[in-house]
Amino acid sequence: MIDGDQAEGLRRWAKTLSVEPPSHAAPRTLMVLGLDCDSGSQRVTRVLQHWQAQGYDWVGDPARWRVRPVRADDARLPALAALHQRWGLWVDEGPEGICRAFAQLRGLSGKAGPRHLLALHHPHMPRRGRLENLRRAALERCGVKLLLIKA
């Protein structure tokens, strides 16, 4: 005959396995194409804050992201692509912003660079239209998958 219930034994056992969460999570690096070096990282942080507020838990604490601007014509791009997993593309508003973003994507063509990019843009920018066209052109003309987040 078994004394007590089995669930109680499992609860006691689980308590011995519980690990305190780390006091701080390791920062995540996000390499971003098409971003100016001056105020660009702040704009990306605001986008991450917006997504986190919208319930995208994968963002975690937006302050823990290290945003690193990089140009598609950077000679170190192949090494950076091998070193870093998380890549984004900054897309400014308006037709000029889309053209600049596409120019960055064209710069990746034929190079050993990232092939999956997160589209980073102002939260109120509609997905339909220009962003969707950019996503399709990135895949069809540059061989790059551009991820659009529904905000």
N, C-alpha and C. Protein backbone atom coordinates (compact mmCIF):
# COMPACT_ATOMS: atom_id res chain seq x y z
N MET A 1 0.84 -1.17 0.00
CA MET A 1 0.00 0.00 0.00
C MET A 1 0.88 1.24 0.00
N ILE A 2 0.48 2.28 -0.73
CA ILE A 2 1.27 3.50 -0.86
C ILE A 2 0.72 4.55 0.09
N ASP A 3 1.63 5.10 0.92
CA ASP A 3 1.22 6.19 1.82
C ASP A 3 1.23 7.50 1.06
N GLY A 4 0.19 8.35 1.28
CA GLY A 4 0.11 9.65 0.61
C GLY A 4 -0.19 9.46 -0.87
N ASP A 5 -0.33 10.58 -1.54
CA ASP A 5 -0.62 10.45 -2.97
C ASP A 5 0.66 10.62 -3.79
N GLN A 6 0.62 10.09 -4.97
CA GLN A 6 1.78 10.13 -5.85
C GLN A 6 2.10 11.56 -6.26
N ALA A 7 1.08 12.39 -6.42
CA ALA A 7 1.29 13.78 -6.83
C ALA A 7 2.12 14.54 -5.80
N GLU A 8 1.91 14.25 -4.52
CA GLU A 8 2.69 14.93 -3.48
C GLU A 8 4.17 14.60 -3.63
N GLY A 9 4.46 13.35 -3.90
CA GLY A 9 5.85 12.95 -4.11
C GLY A 9 6.47 13.65 -5.31
N LEU A 10 5.68 13.79 -6.38
CA LEU A 10 6.17 14.50 -7.56
C LEU A 10 6.40 15.98 -7.27
N ARG A 11 5.53 16.58 -6.47
CA ARG A 11 5.71 18.00 -6.11
C ARG A 11 6.99 18.19 -5.32
N ARG A 12 7.25 17.30 -4.36
CA ARG A 12 8.49 17.40 -3.57
C ARG A 12 9.71 17.25 -4.48
N TRP A 13 9.63 16.28 -5.38
CA TRP A 13 10.74 16.05 -6.30
C TRP A 13 10.96 17.27 -7.20
N ALA A 14 9.88 17.87 -7.71
CA ALA A 14 9.99 19.03 -8.61
C ALA A 14 10.62 20.22 -7.89
N LYS A 15 10.33 20.37 -6.59
CA LYS A 15 10.93 21.48 -5.84
C LYS A 15 12.44 21.36 -5.77
N THR A 16 12.93 20.14 -5.73
CA THR A 16 14.39 19.96 -5.67
C THR A 16 15.04 20.33 -7.00
N LEU A 17 14.28 20.34 -8.09
CA LEU A 17 14.82 20.67 -9.40
C LEU A 17 14.69 22.13 -9.75
N SER A 18 13.87 22.86 -9.03
CA SER A 18 13.63 24.25 -9.40
C SER A 18 14.93 25.03 -9.33
N VAL A 19 15.13 25.81 -10.35
CA VAL A 19 16.33 26.62 -10.46
C VAL A 19 15.91 28.07 -10.47
N GLU A 20 16.62 28.87 -9.73
CA GLU A 20 16.34 30.30 -9.74
C GLU A 20 16.64 30.86 -11.12
N PRO A 21 15.77 31.72 -11.64
CA PRO A 21 16.08 32.32 -12.93
C PRO A 21 17.31 33.23 -12.78
N PRO A 22 18.08 33.37 -13.83
CA PRO A 22 19.25 34.22 -13.73
C PRO A 22 18.85 35.65 -13.41
N SER A 23 19.70 36.36 -12.68
CA SER A 23 19.37 37.72 -12.29
C SER A 23 19.26 38.62 -13.51
N HIS A 24 19.95 38.27 -14.56
CA HIS A 24 19.80 39.01 -15.81
C HIS A 24 20.03 38.06 -16.98
N ALA A 25 19.21 38.23 -17.99
CA ALA A 25 19.37 37.38 -19.17
C ALA A 25 20.51 37.92 -20.02
N ALA A 26 21.13 37.04 -20.74
CA ALA A 26 22.22 37.47 -21.63
C ALA A 26 21.66 38.37 -22.72
N PRO A 27 22.38 39.41 -23.07
CA PRO A 27 21.89 40.28 -24.14
C PRO A 27 21.85 39.53 -25.47
N ARG A 28 20.92 39.93 -26.30
CA ARG A 28 20.79 39.36 -27.64
C ARG A 28 21.29 40.40 -28.63
N THR A 29 22.04 39.96 -29.60
CA THR A 29 22.54 40.88 -30.62
C THR A 29 21.65 40.79 -31.85
N LEU A 30 21.25 41.95 -32.34
CA LEU A 30 20.45 42.04 -33.56
C LEU A 30 21.23 42.89 -34.56
N MET A 31 21.69 42.24 -35.60
CA MET A 31 22.41 42.93 -36.67
C MET A 31 21.35 43.51 -37.61
N VAL A 32 21.46 44.81 -37.90
CA VAL A 32 20.41 45.47 -38.69
C VAL A 32 21.00 46.16 -39.91
N LEU A 33 20.52 45.76 -41.06
CA LEU A 33 20.89 46.40 -42.32
C LEU A 33 20.02 47.63 -42.54
N GLY A 34 20.59 48.65 -43.19
CA GLY A 34 19.82 49.83 -43.55
C GLY A 34 19.55 50.79 -42.43
N LEU A 35 20.32 50.71 -41.38
CA LEU A 35 20.10 51.53 -40.19
C LEU A 35 21.22 52.54 -40.06
N ASP A 36 20.86 53.82 -39.85
CA ASP A 36 21.93 54.79 -39.64
C ASP A 36 22.50 54.62 -38.23
N CYS A 37 23.74 54.96 -38.09
CA CYS A 37 24.44 54.69 -36.83
C CYS A 37 24.04 55.63 -35.70
N ASP A 38 23.53 56.82 -36.02
CA ASP A 38 23.27 57.82 -34.99
C ASP A 38 22.09 57.47 -34.10
N SER A 39 20.89 57.50 -34.64
CA SER A 39 19.70 57.28 -33.81
C SER A 39 19.01 55.96 -34.14
N GLY A 40 19.59 55.18 -35.01
CA GLY A 40 18.95 53.97 -35.48
C GLY A 40 18.64 52.95 -34.41
N SER A 41 19.57 52.73 -33.49
CA SER A 41 19.34 51.68 -32.49
C SER A 41 18.17 52.05 -31.58
N GLN A 42 17.98 53.34 -31.32
CA GLN A 42 16.83 53.76 -30.51
C GLN A 42 15.52 53.47 -31.22
N ARG A 43 15.50 53.66 -32.53
CA ARG A 43 14.28 53.38 -33.30
C ARG A 43 13.96 51.89 -33.26
N VAL A 44 14.98 51.05 -33.38
CA VAL A 44 14.76 49.61 -33.32
C VAL A 44 14.26 49.21 -31.94
N THR A 45 14.83 49.79 -30.90
CA THR A 45 14.39 49.49 -29.53
C THR A 45 12.92 49.86 -29.35
N ARG A 46 12.50 50.99 -29.92
CA ARG A 46 11.08 51.38 -29.82
C ARG A 46 10.18 50.37 -30.54
N VAL A 47 10.62 49.86 -31.68
CA VAL A 47 9.84 48.84 -32.39
C VAL A 47 9.74 47.58 -31.53
N LEU A 48 10.86 47.16 -30.93
CA LEU A 48 10.84 45.98 -30.07
C LEU A 48 9.93 46.20 -28.86
N GLN A 49 9.94 47.41 -28.29
CA GLN A 49 9.05 47.73 -27.17
C GLN A 49 7.59 47.60 -27.60
N HIS A 50 7.29 48.09 -28.78
CA HIS A 50 5.92 48.01 -29.29
C HIS A 50 5.50 46.55 -29.45
N TRP A 51 6.35 45.73 -30.05
CA TRP A 51 6.01 44.32 -30.24
C TRP A 51 5.85 43.61 -28.91
N GLN A 52 6.71 43.92 -27.97
CA GLN A 52 6.61 43.30 -26.65
C GLN A 52 5.29 43.68 -26.00
N ALA A 53 4.88 44.95 -26.12
CA ALA A 53 3.61 45.41 -25.56
C ALA A 53 2.42 44.76 -26.27
N GLN A 54 2.60 44.36 -27.52
CA GLN A 54 1.53 43.69 -28.28
C GLN A 54 1.42 42.21 -27.94
N GLY A 55 2.31 41.72 -27.07
CA GLY A 55 2.21 40.33 -26.63
C GLY A 55 3.20 39.38 -27.27
N TYR A 56 4.14 39.89 -28.02
CA TYR A 56 5.16 39.02 -28.62
C TYR A 56 6.23 38.72 -27.58
N ASP A 57 6.03 37.61 -26.88
CA ASP A 57 6.90 37.24 -25.76
C ASP A 57 8.33 36.96 -26.17
N TRP A 58 8.57 36.57 -27.40
CA TRP A 58 9.93 36.27 -27.85
C TRP A 58 10.83 37.49 -27.75
N VAL A 59 10.24 38.68 -27.73
CA VAL A 59 11.05 39.90 -27.63
C VAL A 59 11.74 39.96 -26.28
N GLY A 60 11.04 39.52 -25.23
CA GLY A 60 11.61 39.63 -23.90
C GLY A 60 11.76 41.09 -23.51
N ASP A 61 12.82 41.42 -22.80
CA ASP A 61 13.09 42.80 -22.40
C ASP A 61 13.77 43.52 -23.56
N PRO A 62 13.10 44.50 -24.18
CA PRO A 62 13.71 45.20 -25.32
C PRO A 62 15.04 45.86 -24.99
N ALA A 63 15.25 46.23 -23.74
CA ALA A 63 16.50 46.88 -23.35
C ALA A 63 17.69 45.91 -23.41
N ARG A 64 17.42 44.63 -23.45
CA ARG A 64 18.51 43.64 -23.47
C ARG A 64 19.01 43.32 -24.88
N TRP A 65 18.39 43.93 -25.87
CA TRP A 65 18.84 43.71 -27.25
C TRP A 65 19.96 44.69 -27.57
N ARG A 66 21.05 44.17 -28.10
CA ARG A 66 22.15 45.01 -28.60
C ARG A 66 21.96 45.15 -30.10
N VAL A 67 21.65 46.34 -30.53
CA VAL A 67 21.40 46.60 -31.95
C VAL A 67 22.71 47.06 -32.59
N ARG A 68 23.11 46.37 -33.65
CA ARG A 68 24.35 46.66 -34.35
C ARG A 68 24.05 46.97 -35.82
N PRO A 69 24.18 48.24 -36.21
CA PRO A 69 23.99 48.57 -37.63
C PRO A 69 25.11 47.97 -38.47
N VAL A 70 24.76 47.49 -39.64
CA VAL A 70 25.74 46.94 -40.58
C VAL A 70 25.26 47.24 -42.00
N ARG A 71 26.21 47.45 -42.87
CA ARG A 71 25.87 47.75 -44.27
C ARG A 71 26.02 46.48 -45.11
N ALA A 72 25.19 46.38 -46.13
CA ALA A 72 25.24 45.20 -47.00
C ALA A 72 26.57 45.12 -47.76
N ASP A 73 27.24 46.26 -47.93
CA ASP A 73 28.52 46.25 -48.64
C ASP A 73 29.72 46.12 -47.71
N ASP A 74 29.47 45.84 -46.44
CA ASP A 74 30.55 45.65 -45.47
C ASP A 74 31.35 44.39 -45.85
N ALA A 75 32.65 44.53 -45.94
CA ALA A 75 33.51 43.40 -46.32
C ALA A 75 33.45 42.27 -45.29
N ARG A 76 33.07 42.59 -44.06
CA ARG A 76 33.00 41.58 -43.00
C ARG A 76 31.67 40.84 -42.98
N LEU A 77 30.78 41.14 -43.91
CA LEU A 77 29.43 40.57 -43.89
C LEU A 77 29.41 39.04 -43.81
N PRO A 78 30.19 38.32 -44.61
CA PRO A 78 30.15 36.85 -44.49
C PRO A 78 30.54 36.37 -43.09
N ALA A 79 31.55 36.98 -42.51
CA ALA A 79 31.97 36.57 -41.16
C ALA A 79 30.91 36.93 -40.13
N LEU A 80 30.30 38.11 -40.28
CA LEU A 80 29.24 38.52 -39.35
C LEU A 80 28.03 37.60 -39.47
N ALA A 81 27.69 37.21 -40.70
CA ALA A 81 26.55 36.32 -40.91
C ALA A 81 26.78 34.96 -40.27
N ALA A 82 28.03 34.50 -40.29
CA ALA A 82 28.35 33.22 -39.66
C ALA A 82 28.35 33.32 -38.14
N LEU A 83 28.65 34.50 -37.63
CA LEU A 83 28.77 34.71 -36.19
C LEU A 83 27.44 35.01 -35.51
N HIS A 84 26.57 35.76 -36.19
CA HIS A 84 25.32 36.22 -35.58
C HIS A 84 24.11 35.58 -36.25
N GLN A 85 23.15 35.15 -35.42
CA GLN A 85 21.94 34.48 -35.92
C GLN A 85 20.81 35.44 -36.24
N ARG A 86 20.72 36.53 -35.51
CA ARG A 86 19.55 37.41 -35.60
C ARG A 86 19.86 38.63 -36.47
N TRP A 87 19.09 38.75 -37.54
CA TRP A 87 19.30 39.83 -38.49
C TRP A 87 17.99 40.53 -38.79
N GLY A 88 18.08 41.83 -39.01
CA GLY A 88 16.91 42.62 -39.34
C GLY A 88 17.22 43.57 -40.49
N LEU A 89 16.17 44.11 -41.05
CA LEU A 89 16.27 45.11 -42.11
C LEU A 89 15.42 46.30 -41.68
N TRP A 90 16.04 47.47 -41.56
CA TRP A 90 15.27 48.67 -41.23
C TRP A 90 14.59 49.17 -42.48
N VAL A 91 13.28 49.44 -42.36
CA VAL A 91 12.49 49.94 -43.48
C VAL A 91 11.87 51.26 -43.05
N ASP A 92 12.34 52.36 -43.66
CA ASP A 92 11.76 53.67 -43.39
C ASP A 92 10.43 53.80 -44.11
N GLU A 93 9.66 54.77 -43.68
CA GLU A 93 8.35 55.01 -44.30
C GLU A 93 8.50 55.61 -45.69
N GLY A 94 7.46 55.46 -46.46
CA GLY A 94 7.39 56.08 -47.78
C GLY A 94 8.12 55.30 -48.85
N PRO A 95 7.93 55.73 -50.09
CA PRO A 95 8.56 55.03 -51.22
C PRO A 95 10.09 55.05 -51.14
N GLU A 96 10.66 56.15 -50.66
CA GLU A 96 12.12 56.24 -50.56
C GLU A 96 12.66 55.23 -49.55
N GLY A 97 11.94 55.03 -48.46
CA GLY A 97 12.36 54.06 -47.45
C GLY A 97 12.34 52.64 -48.00
N ILE A 98 11.32 52.33 -48.78
CA ILE A 98 11.22 51.01 -49.40
C ILE A 98 12.37 50.83 -50.39
N CYS A 99 12.67 51.87 -51.17
CA CYS A 99 13.77 51.78 -52.14
C CYS A 99 15.11 51.58 -51.44
N ARG A 100 15.34 52.29 -50.33
CA ARG A 100 16.59 52.11 -49.58
C ARG A 100 16.68 50.69 -49.02
N ALA A 101 15.57 50.19 -48.51
CA ALA A 101 15.57 48.82 -47.96
C ALA A 101 15.85 47.81 -49.06
N PHE A 102 15.22 48.00 -50.22
CA PHE A 102 15.46 47.07 -51.32
C PHE A 102 16.90 47.14 -51.81
N ALA A 103 17.49 48.33 -51.79
CA ALA A 103 18.91 48.46 -52.17
C ALA A 103 19.79 47.65 -51.23
N GLN A 104 19.46 47.64 -49.94
CA GLN A 104 20.22 46.82 -48.99
C GLN A 104 20.06 45.34 -49.32
N LEU A 105 18.84 44.95 -49.66
CA LEU A 105 18.59 43.55 -50.03
C LEU A 105 19.35 43.16 -51.29
N ARG A 106 19.36 44.05 -52.28
CA ARG A 106 20.12 43.78 -53.51
C ARG A 106 21.60 43.64 -53.21
N GLY A 107 22.08 44.39 -52.22
CA GLY A 107 23.48 44.30 -51.83
C GLY A 107 23.84 42.93 -51.27
N LEU A 108 22.84 42.19 -50.81
CA LEU A 108 23.09 40.84 -50.29
C LEU A 108 23.16 39.79 -51.39
N SER A 109 22.62 40.11 -52.55
CA SER A 109 22.57 39.14 -53.65
C SER A 109 23.97 38.67 -54.02
N GLY A 110 24.13 37.37 -54.10
CA GLY A 110 25.40 36.80 -54.51
C GLY A 110 26.48 36.82 -53.45
N LYS A 111 26.14 37.23 -52.24
CA LYS A 111 27.12 37.26 -51.16
C LYS A 111 26.76 36.21 -50.11
N ALA A 112 27.75 35.85 -49.34
CA ALA A 112 27.52 34.93 -48.21
C ALA A 112 27.05 35.76 -47.03
N GLY A 113 25.80 36.16 -47.07
CA GLY A 113 25.23 36.97 -45.99
C GLY A 113 23.99 36.32 -45.44
N PRO A 114 23.29 37.02 -44.57
CA PRO A 114 22.06 36.46 -43.99
C PRO A 114 20.99 36.25 -45.06
N ARG A 115 20.20 35.21 -44.89
CA ARG A 115 19.13 34.90 -45.84
C ARG A 115 17.75 34.99 -45.20
N HIS A 116 17.70 35.28 -43.90
CA HIS A 116 16.44 35.48 -43.19
C HIS A 116 16.57 36.78 -42.40
N LEU A 117 15.69 37.72 -42.68
CA LEU A 117 15.73 39.03 -42.02
C LEU A 117 14.37 39.37 -41.43
N LEU A 118 14.40 40.01 -40.30
CA LEU A 118 13.19 40.53 -39.66
C LEU A 118 12.99 41.96 -40.13
N ALA A 119 11.82 42.26 -40.69
CA ALA A 119 11.52 43.62 -41.14
C ALA A 119 11.24 44.49 -39.92
N LEU A 120 12.04 45.52 -39.75
CA LEU A 120 11.88 46.47 -38.64
C LEU A 120 11.38 47.78 -39.23
N HIS A 121 10.25 48.25 -38.75
CA HIS A 121 9.64 49.45 -39.31
C HIS A 121 8.76 50.11 -38.26
N HIS A 122 8.33 51.33 -38.56
CA HIS A 122 7.44 52.03 -37.64
C HIS A 122 6.16 51.20 -37.45
N PRO A 123 5.67 51.11 -36.21
CA PRO A 123 4.52 50.24 -35.92
C PRO A 123 3.26 50.55 -36.73
N HIS A 124 3.06 51.80 -37.10
CA HIS A 124 1.82 52.13 -37.81
C HIS A 124 1.92 51.93 -39.33
N MET A 125 3.06 51.49 -39.80
CA MET A 125 3.24 51.25 -41.22
C MET A 125 2.44 50.01 -41.63
N PRO A 126 1.52 50.13 -42.59
CA PRO A 126 0.67 48.98 -42.94
C PRO A 126 1.46 47.87 -43.63
N ARG A 127 1.10 46.64 -43.30
CA ARG A 127 1.76 45.48 -43.90
C ARG A 127 1.36 45.33 -45.37
N ARG A 128 0.11 45.56 -45.64
CA ARG A 128 -0.37 45.45 -47.02
C ARG A 128 0.26 46.56 -47.86
N GLY A 129 0.50 46.26 -49.08
CA GLY A 129 1.06 47.26 -49.98
C GLY A 129 2.56 47.17 -50.04
N ARG A 130 3.22 48.25 -49.66
CA ARG A 130 4.67 48.35 -49.84
C ARG A 130 5.46 47.29 -49.09
N LEU A 131 5.12 47.04 -47.82
CA LEU A 131 5.88 46.04 -47.05
C LEU A 131 5.71 44.64 -47.65
N GLU A 132 4.50 44.32 -48.03
CA GLU A 132 4.25 43.00 -48.64
C GLU A 132 4.97 42.88 -49.98
N ASN A 133 4.96 43.97 -50.76
CA ASN A 133 5.69 43.96 -52.03
C ASN A 133 7.19 43.79 -51.80
N LEU A 134 7.71 44.45 -50.77
CA LEU A 134 9.13 44.33 -50.44
C LEU A 134 9.45 42.89 -50.04
N ARG A 135 8.56 42.28 -49.27
CA ARG A 135 8.77 40.89 -48.85
C ARG A 135 8.86 39.95 -50.06
N ARG A 136 7.92 40.14 -50.99
CA ARG A 136 7.92 39.29 -52.20
C ARG A 136 9.16 39.53 -53.06
N ALA A 137 9.52 40.80 -53.24
CA ALA A 137 10.70 41.13 -54.05
C ALA A 137 11.97 40.59 -53.40
N ALA A 138 12.04 40.64 -52.08
CA ALA A 138 13.21 40.13 -51.37
C ALA A 138 13.40 38.65 -51.67
N LEU A 139 12.32 37.90 -51.66
CA LEU A 139 12.40 36.46 -51.90
C LEU A 139 12.67 36.15 -53.37
N GLU A 140 11.88 36.77 -54.25
CA GLU A 140 11.95 36.43 -55.67
C GLU A 140 13.21 36.96 -56.35
N ARG A 141 13.66 38.14 -55.97
CA ARG A 141 14.78 38.76 -56.68
C ARG A 141 16.11 38.66 -55.95
N CYS A 142 16.06 38.49 -54.63
CA CYS A 142 17.30 38.49 -53.85
C CYS A 142 17.54 37.19 -53.10
N GLY A 143 16.55 36.31 -53.07
CA GLY A 143 16.71 35.05 -52.35
C GLY A 143 16.75 35.21 -50.84
N VAL A 144 16.10 36.26 -50.35
CA VAL A 144 16.10 36.56 -48.91
C VAL A 144 14.67 36.47 -48.39
N LYS A 145 14.49 35.75 -47.29
CA LYS A 145 13.18 35.69 -46.65
C LYS A 145 13.07 36.84 -45.66
N LEU A 146 12.07 37.68 -45.86
CA LEU A 146 11.83 38.84 -45.02
C LEU A 146 10.59 38.56 -44.17
N LEU A 147 10.77 38.53 -42.86
CA LEU A 147 9.68 38.24 -41.95
C LEU A 147 8.98 39.53 -41.55
N LEU A 148 7.67 39.58 -41.78
CA LEU A 148 6.85 40.73 -41.38
C LEU A 148 6.06 40.35 -40.14
N ILE A 149 6.16 41.15 -39.10
CA ILE A 149 5.43 40.91 -37.86
C ILE A 149 4.13 41.71 -37.90
N LYS A 150 3.04 41.03 -37.60
CA LYS A 150 1.74 41.71 -37.55
C LYS A 150 1.67 42.50 -36.25
N ALA A 151 1.58 43.80 -36.39
CA ALA A 151 1.60 44.63 -35.18
C ALA A 151 0.30 45.28 -34.94
